[in-house]
Amino acid sequence: MHVRAVAFKKEGVVQLHYKKGGFFIFFLAIVLLIAGCSAENKLDSGAADNSITADAVSKIYRACKYPNDDFCEESCCIAAEKCNGEVAYRECDLGTGEWKGGIFSDSECSSGCEAMESDTKEQKQIALKACNEGWKCINKFERAYRNDDCSFGEVERCNSGCVNDTCANLCTPGTFSCRNDILRKCDEDGSDWRYYSACDYGCENNTCIGSTNSSQTQNTTQSQNICDDSCFSVTNFHYDAEGNDNNNENDEYVTIKNSCSFSCNLEGWEISDDSSHKYSFASFNLGNGNSFTLYTGEGTDTESRLYWNRGSAVWNNDGGDTLYLKNQSGETIFSHSYS
């Protein structure tokens, strides 16, 4: 049975007339309209709830780390230092997880710690102590020793990165690895791989092909008189020339000695610094027990004197620098740092 609704306007009011079953259809339309409004209200409510939730989870706090590896999750925390022998407080940046400078005498971090007038100079220094003494990362690959007055001293380079104020280990000390046909050995502090041996028949599974194990490889390479880091030492490093270094380049020099009982052929090797200035050895053999001096300026090479012929200074006077001695494969055999 078909149902038809007829609409007409009477005195400004729209009226519907239904034939057979019109009341049922009208009632059904009202129910559907109410249900639709209810669903829309729920969606609007859900959107508001989602917005509130997003605002809440976007506010994530970090915590500041104490020297004993404990953490503080407050903006003002008990400090590891003392203020005039009493409990002190430090501010924690909850956005970065880093300690802010200065120490305070109150738990609101509003009153700075001040030394008492009656204190001696030494007592005042202790009272106003603001930093924990020890190593601290200053960038991704360097750390410096921080004194208790917050000044920095010696700087150490971390070849595999500085993490939590410690040089990360790149490898396990004493282990071997292959790089192309070069056998490398992890140094004593695990910070870098050092050249160990050139493998005549290739290198696989951390061993020269033809050797059954690392121990055998070690014995074989030792019998081949390998020039490793134990052979070299810096006996004189005159990095600060008299006057302007750039005008007195041959007063900037470094002396390196071969302490091994055999000679080292340095042809194709190079010396570089932290700024990647490079000196390449031509045909040069460093005899056992002998030394050579590398001058930054110009000159004629001899058996014990070599000249960089740069035209400008190399080694830093302030902030320190590192000398790297690398073999013909680019492996760091020996390094020496100063600050």
Protein backbone atom coordinates (compact mmCIF):
# COMPACT_ATOMS: atom_id res chain seq x y z
CA MET A 1 0.00 0.00 0.00
CA HIS A 2 1.52 3.37 -0.97
CA VAL A 3 1.16 6.28 1.42
CA ARG A 4 1.21 9.84 0.10
CA ALA A 5 1.48 13.04 2.08
CA VAL A 6 -0.05 16.21 0.73
CA ALA A 7 1.23 19.56 2.04
CA PHE A 8 -0.59 22.88 1.74
CA LYS A 9 -0.22 26.27 3.34
CA LYS A 10 -3.03 27.74 5.37
CA GLU A 11 -2.63 31.05 7.16
CA GLY A 12 1.13 30.75 7.27
CA VAL A 13 1.14 27.26 8.75
CA VAL A 14 2.34 24.26 6.80
CA GLN A 15 0.01 21.36 7.37
CA LEU A 16 0.40 17.70 6.33
CA HIS A 17 -2.46 15.44 5.47
CA TYR A 18 -1.85 11.75 5.27
CA LYS A 19 -3.91 9.10 3.76
CA LYS A 20 -3.97 5.68 5.40
CA GLY A 21 -1.14 5.21 7.93
CA GLY A 22 -0.01 8.86 7.89
CA PHE A 23 0.20 9.09 11.68
CA PHE A 24 2.66 6.17 11.86
CA ILE A 25 5.00 7.75 9.31
CA PHE A 26 4.89 11.09 11.12
CA PHE A 27 5.76 9.42 14.43
CA LEU A 28 8.69 7.51 12.85
CA ALA A 29 10.15 10.73 11.43
CA ILE A 30 10.10 12.37 14.88
CA VAL A 31 11.95 9.37 16.43
CA LEU A 32 14.66 9.46 13.75
CA LEU A 33 15.14 13.21 14.21
CA ILE A 34 15.65 12.83 17.99
CA ALA A 35 18.15 9.97 17.50
CA GLY A 36 20.20 12.02 15.03
CA CYS A 37 20.49 14.97 17.42
CA SER A 38 21.58 12.66 20.23
CA ALA A 39 24.36 11.13 18.10
CA GLU A 40 25.58 14.58 17.05
CA ASN A 41 25.77 15.68 20.69
CA LYS A 42 27.85 12.60 21.56
CA LEU A 43 30.30 13.33 18.73
CA ASP A 44 30.70 16.92 19.93
CA SER A 45 31.26 15.69 23.48
CA GLY A 46 33.82 13.11 22.29
CA ALA A 47 35.75 15.78 20.37
CA ALA A 48 35.97 17.89 23.51
CA ASP A 49 37.17 14.90 25.54
CA ASN A 50 39.81 14.11 22.91
CA SER A 51 41.00 17.71 23.00
CA ILE A 52 41.36 17.64 26.77
CA THR A 53 43.25 14.34 26.61
CA ALA A 54 45.62 15.67 23.94
CA ASP A 55 46.38 18.74 26.05
CA ALA A 56 47.12 16.55 29.04
CA VAL A 57 49.47 14.11 27.33
CA SER A 58 51.36 16.88 25.53
CA LYS A 59 52.69 18.13 28.86
CA ILE A 60 55.45 15.60 29.56
CA TYR A 61 57.95 16.28 32.33
CA ARG A 62 61.53 15.08 32.56
CA ALA A 63 63.67 14.53 35.64
CA CYS A 64 67.15 15.70 36.64
CA LYS A 65 69.80 13.13 37.46
CA TYR A 66 71.90 13.09 40.63
CA PRO A 67 75.55 11.88 40.60
CA ASN A 68 74.42 8.60 42.26
CA ASP A 69 72.01 7.98 39.34
CA ASP A 70 68.88 8.88 41.35
CA PHE A 71 66.40 11.35 39.85
CA CYS A 72 64.35 14.32 41.03
CA GLU A 73 61.05 15.09 39.32
CA GLU A 74 60.42 18.45 41.02
CA SER A 75 61.31 21.94 39.81
CA CYS A 76 63.24 22.59 43.05
CA CYS A 77 65.22 19.63 44.39
CA ILE A 78 67.58 18.87 47.25
CA ALA A 79 71.08 19.47 45.93
CA ALA A 80 74.09 17.18 46.13
CA GLU A 81 76.01 20.19 47.51
CA LYS A 82 75.69 21.92 50.88
CA CYS A 83 74.91 25.56 51.70
CA ASN A 84 76.98 26.64 54.70
CA GLY A 85 76.98 23.04 55.86
CA GLU A 86 73.19 22.77 55.60
CA VAL A 87 70.84 21.22 53.06
CA ALA A 88 70.90 23.10 49.75
CA TYR A 89 68.55 23.10 46.77
CA ARG A 90 68.93 23.35 43.00
CA GLU A 91 66.51 24.11 40.19
CA CYS A 92 65.63 21.38 37.71
CA ASP A 93 64.48 22.31 34.21
CA LEU A 94 61.63 19.84 33.71
CA GLY A 95 61.49 20.66 30.03
CA THR A 96 65.07 19.50 29.32
CA GLY A 97 65.97 17.38 32.35
CA GLU A 98 69.03 19.58 33.04
CA TRP A 99 70.11 21.24 36.28
CA LYS A 100 70.08 25.02 36.26
CA GLY A 101 72.98 27.03 37.65
CA GLY A 102 73.31 28.16 41.25
CA ILE A 103 72.28 26.64 44.58
CA PHE A 104 69.64 27.87 47.04
CA SER A 105 69.08 27.77 50.78
CA ASP A 106 65.30 27.21 50.61
CA SER A 107 63.00 24.56 49.13
CA GLU A 108 61.36 27.16 46.86
CA CYS A 109 64.68 27.89 45.12
CA SER A 110 64.13 31.60 45.73
CA SER A 111 66.98 32.50 48.12
CA GLY A 112 70.47 32.02 46.77
CA CYS A 113 73.10 30.48 49.00
CA GLU A 114 75.34 33.16 50.46
CA ALA A 115 78.50 32.75 52.44
CA MET A 116 78.54 34.13 55.96
CA GLU A 117 80.71 37.18 56.58
CA SER A 118 82.52 35.40 59.40
CA ASP A 119 83.65 32.59 57.11
CA THR A 120 87.24 32.32 55.97
CA LYS A 121 88.01 32.44 52.25
CA GLU A 122 88.20 28.66 52.12
CA GLN A 123 84.90 28.30 53.99
CA LYS A 124 83.22 30.72 51.61
CA GLN A 125 84.43 28.73 48.64
CA ILE A 126 82.99 25.57 50.18
CA ALA A 127 79.75 27.31 51.13
CA LEU A 128 79.19 28.62 47.63
CA LYS A 129 80.24 25.42 45.90
CA ALA A 130 77.90 25.12 42.91
CA CYS A 131 79.18 22.19 40.85
CA ASN A 132 80.06 18.56 41.39
CA GLU A 133 83.69 17.96 40.56
CA GLY A 134 84.29 15.40 37.82
CA TRP A 135 84.03 14.70 34.08
CA LYS A 136 81.12 16.18 32.11
CA CYS A 137 80.15 15.88 28.42
CA ILE A 138 80.53 19.25 26.70
CA ASN A 139 79.38 18.01 23.28
CA LYS A 140 78.68 14.70 21.51
CA PHE A 141 82.35 13.71 21.23
CA GLU A 142 84.18 15.54 24.01
CA ARG A 143 84.10 15.73 27.78
CA ALA A 144 85.91 18.07 30.15
CA TYR A 145 86.91 17.86 33.80
CA ARG A 146 84.72 20.29 35.74
CA ASN A 147 86.14 21.77 38.94
CA ASP A 148 84.02 22.48 42.03
CA ASP A 149 83.95 26.19 41.11
CA CYS A 150 82.29 25.20 37.81
CA SER A 151 85.39 25.99 35.73
CA PHE A 152 86.59 23.42 33.19
CA GLY A 153 90.08 22.01 32.87
CA GLU A 154 91.37 19.04 30.86
CA VAL A 155 89.41 18.10 27.73
CA GLU A 156 89.22 14.51 26.49
CA ARG A 157 87.97 13.42 23.07
CA CYS A 158 85.57 10.44 22.95
CA ASN A 159 85.94 8.76 19.55
CA SER A 160 82.72 6.78 19.92
CA GLY A 161 80.74 9.54 21.64
CA CYS A 162 80.22 10.97 25.13
CA VAL A 163 77.19 9.56 26.99
CA ASN A 164 76.23 10.37 30.60
CA ASP A 165 79.58 12.13 31.08
CA THR A 166 81.46 8.96 30.10
CA CYS A 167 83.29 8.06 26.90
CA ALA A 168 81.24 5.30 25.31
CA ASN A 169 82.95 2.06 24.37
CA LEU A 170 83.19 1.46 20.66
CA CYS A 171 84.49 -2.08 21.08
CA THR A 172 85.59 -4.67 23.64
CA PRO A 173 89.26 -4.20 24.60
CA GLY A 174 91.58 -6.81 23.11
CA THR A 175 89.12 -8.11 20.49
CA PHE A 176 89.81 -8.19 16.76
CA SER A 177 87.82 -7.14 13.70
CA CYS A 178 88.31 -7.05 9.93
CA ARG A 179 88.15 -4.04 7.67
CA ASN A 180 88.79 -5.06 4.10
CA ASP A 181 92.18 -6.86 4.29
CA ILE A 182 93.24 -5.13 7.52
CA LEU A 183 93.04 -6.83 10.91
CA ARG A 184 92.26 -4.35 13.68
CA LYS A 185 92.47 -4.67 17.45
CA CYS A 186 90.34 -2.82 20.01
CA ASP A 187 92.50 -0.58 22.21
CA GLU A 188 92.82 -0.86 25.98
CA ASP A 189 89.98 1.52 26.85
CA GLY A 190 87.61 0.27 24.14
CA SER A 191 87.40 3.71 22.53
CA ASP A 192 88.71 2.87 19.05
CA TRP A 193 89.96 0.18 16.67
CA ARG A 194 93.71 0.25 16.00
CA TYR A 195 95.59 -1.12 13.01
CA TYR A 196 97.06 -4.51 13.86
CA SER A 197 98.08 -6.30 10.67
CA ALA A 198 97.72 -6.38 6.89
CA CYS A 199 96.36 -9.81 5.90
CA ASP A 200 98.13 -11.16 2.80
CA TYR A 201 95.28 -13.56 1.92
CA GLY A 202 92.35 -11.51 3.18
CA CYS A 203 90.56 -11.05 6.50
CA GLU A 204 87.45 -12.97 7.56
CA ASN A 205 85.70 -13.72 10.85
CA ASN A 206 87.97 -11.32 12.75
CA THR A 207 91.09 -13.19 11.74
CA CYS A 208 93.60 -13.21 8.88
CA ILE A 209 92.82 -16.02 6.44
CA GLY A 210 95.21 -18.88 7.14
CA SER A 211 95.14 -18.34 10.92
CA THR A 212 92.99 -20.63 13.07
CA ASN A 213 92.19 -18.16 15.86
CA SER A 214 92.91 -14.72 17.26
CA SER A 215 95.69 -16.04 19.47
CA GLN A 216 97.48 -17.54 16.49
CA THR A 217 96.92 -14.30 14.56
CA GLN A 218 98.41 -12.34 17.41
CA ASN A 219 101.52 -14.55 17.54
CA THR A 220 101.91 -14.37 13.75
CA THR A 221 101.58 -10.61 13.58
CA GLN A 222 103.96 -10.07 16.46
CA SER A 223 106.60 -12.08 14.60
CA GLN A 224 106.04 -9.79 11.58
CA ASN A 225 107.15 -6.71 13.54
CA ILE A 226 103.91 -4.75 13.44
CA CYS A 227 104.23 -0.99 14.01
CA ASP A 228 101.32 -0.37 16.39
CA ASP A 229 100.65 2.30 19.01
CA SER A 230 103.17 0.75 21.41
CA CYS A 231 105.97 1.83 19.08
CA PHE A 232 105.28 5.56 19.03
CA SER A 233 105.48 8.34 21.59
CA VAL A 234 105.63 12.13 21.53
CA THR A 235 108.83 13.29 23.23
CA ASN A 236 108.46 17.03 22.56
CA PHE A 237 105.41 19.02 21.49
CA HIS A 238 106.16 22.72 20.96
CA TYR A 239 102.71 23.83 19.80
CA ASP A 240 102.99 27.46 20.99
CA ALA A 241 105.63 29.23 18.94
CA GLU A 242 107.26 32.40 20.20
CA GLY A 243 105.32 35.47 19.12
CA ASN A 244 102.73 35.06 16.38
CA ASP A 245 102.63 31.38 15.42
CA ASN A 246 101.79 32.20 11.80
CA ASN A 247 104.95 34.32 11.52
CA ASN A 248 107.21 31.79 13.26
CA GLU A 249 106.05 28.44 11.92
CA ASN A 250 109.29 26.54 12.42
CA ASP A 251 109.10 27.25 16.15
CA GLU A 252 105.93 25.13 16.08
CA TYR A 253 106.95 21.47 15.94
CA VAL A 254 106.42 17.97 17.33
CA THR A 255 108.96 15.18 17.90
CA ILE A 256 107.91 11.53 17.63
CA LYS A 257 110.03 8.53 18.63
CA ASN A 258 109.95 4.86 17.56
CA SER A 259 110.59 2.79 20.70
CA CYS A 260 110.18 -0.63 19.04
CA SER A 261 113.15 -2.87 18.31
CA PHE A 262 112.43 -2.68 14.56
CA SER A 263 112.03 0.10 12.02
CA CYS A 264 108.67 1.46 10.80
CA ASN A 265 108.08 2.32 7.15
CA LEU A 266 105.83 5.42 7.23
CA GLU A 267 105.49 5.87 3.48
CA GLY A 268 101.86 6.77 2.71
CA TRP A 269 101.08 7.45 6.40
CA GLU A 270 99.82 10.82 7.59
CA ILE A 271 99.68 13.11 10.60
CA SER A 272 96.55 15.18 11.25
CA ASP A 273 94.88 17.24 13.98
CA ASP A 274 91.32 17.81 15.24
CA SER A 275 90.74 20.30 12.41
CA SER A 276 91.73 17.72 9.76
CA HIS A 277 94.95 19.48 8.71
CA LYS A 278 97.00 16.68 7.10
CA TYR A 279 100.67 16.00 6.54
CA SER A 280 101.46 13.03 4.26
CA PHE A 281 104.72 11.11 4.49
CA ALA A 282 106.62 10.50 1.28
CA SER A 283 109.32 7.83 1.33
CA PHE A 284 110.30 7.77 5.00
CA ASN A 285 111.58 5.02 7.29
CA LEU A 286 111.78 5.57 11.06
CA GLY A 287 114.51 3.34 12.48
CA ASN A 288 114.24 1.56 15.81
CA GLY A 289 115.01 3.93 18.68
CA ASN A 290 115.09 6.91 16.31
CA SER A 291 113.05 10.11 16.35
CA PHE A 292 111.92 12.68 13.82
CA THR A 293 110.70 16.25 14.24
CA LEU A 294 107.90 17.65 12.07
CA TYR A 295 108.09 21.43 11.66
CA THR A 296 105.05 23.38 10.51
CA GLY A 297 107.05 25.78 8.32
CA GLU A 298 109.21 25.42 5.22
CA GLY A 299 112.50 23.58 4.90
CA THR A 300 114.37 20.67 3.32
CA ASP A 301 113.60 17.21 4.70
CA THR A 302 116.35 15.10 6.28
CA GLU A 303 116.37 11.73 8.07
CA SER A 304 115.28 13.39 11.32
CA ARG A 305 113.72 16.68 10.22
CA LEU A 306 110.52 16.94 8.18
CA TYR A 307 108.74 20.11 7.05
CA TRP A 308 104.98 20.59 6.57
CA ASN A 309 105.41 23.68 4.32
CA ARG A 310 101.93 24.89 5.31
CA GLY A 311 102.21 28.67 5.31
CA SER A 312 100.18 28.97 8.54
CA ALA A 313 100.13 27.50 12.06
CA VAL A 314 98.49 24.12 12.78
CA TRP A 315 98.41 23.27 16.47
CA ASN A 316 96.04 25.09 18.81
CA ASN A 317 97.53 27.11 21.66
CA ASP A 318 94.29 27.40 23.64
CA GLY A 319 91.72 24.65 24.17
CA GLY A 320 94.10 21.83 23.30
CA ASP A 321 94.42 19.64 20.23
CA THR A 322 95.07 16.02 19.25
CA LEU A 323 97.75 14.56 16.98
CA TYR A 324 96.69 11.49 14.97
CA LEU A 325 99.17 9.18 13.24
CA LYS A 326 97.37 7.11 10.58
CA ASN A 327 98.64 4.36 8.30
CA GLN A 328 98.19 4.10 4.54
CA SER A 329 94.72 2.58 5.05
CA GLY A 330 93.53 5.53 7.12
CA GLU A 331 93.56 3.58 10.41
CA THR A 332 94.58 5.56 13.51
CA ILE A 333 97.71 3.87 14.84
CA PHE A 334 98.68 6.39 17.49
CA SER A 335 97.21 9.59 18.96
CA HIS A 336 98.40 12.18 21.47
CA SER A 337 96.27 14.92 23.06
CA TYR A 338 97.14 18.01 25.06
CA SER A 339 95.05 20.73 26.67
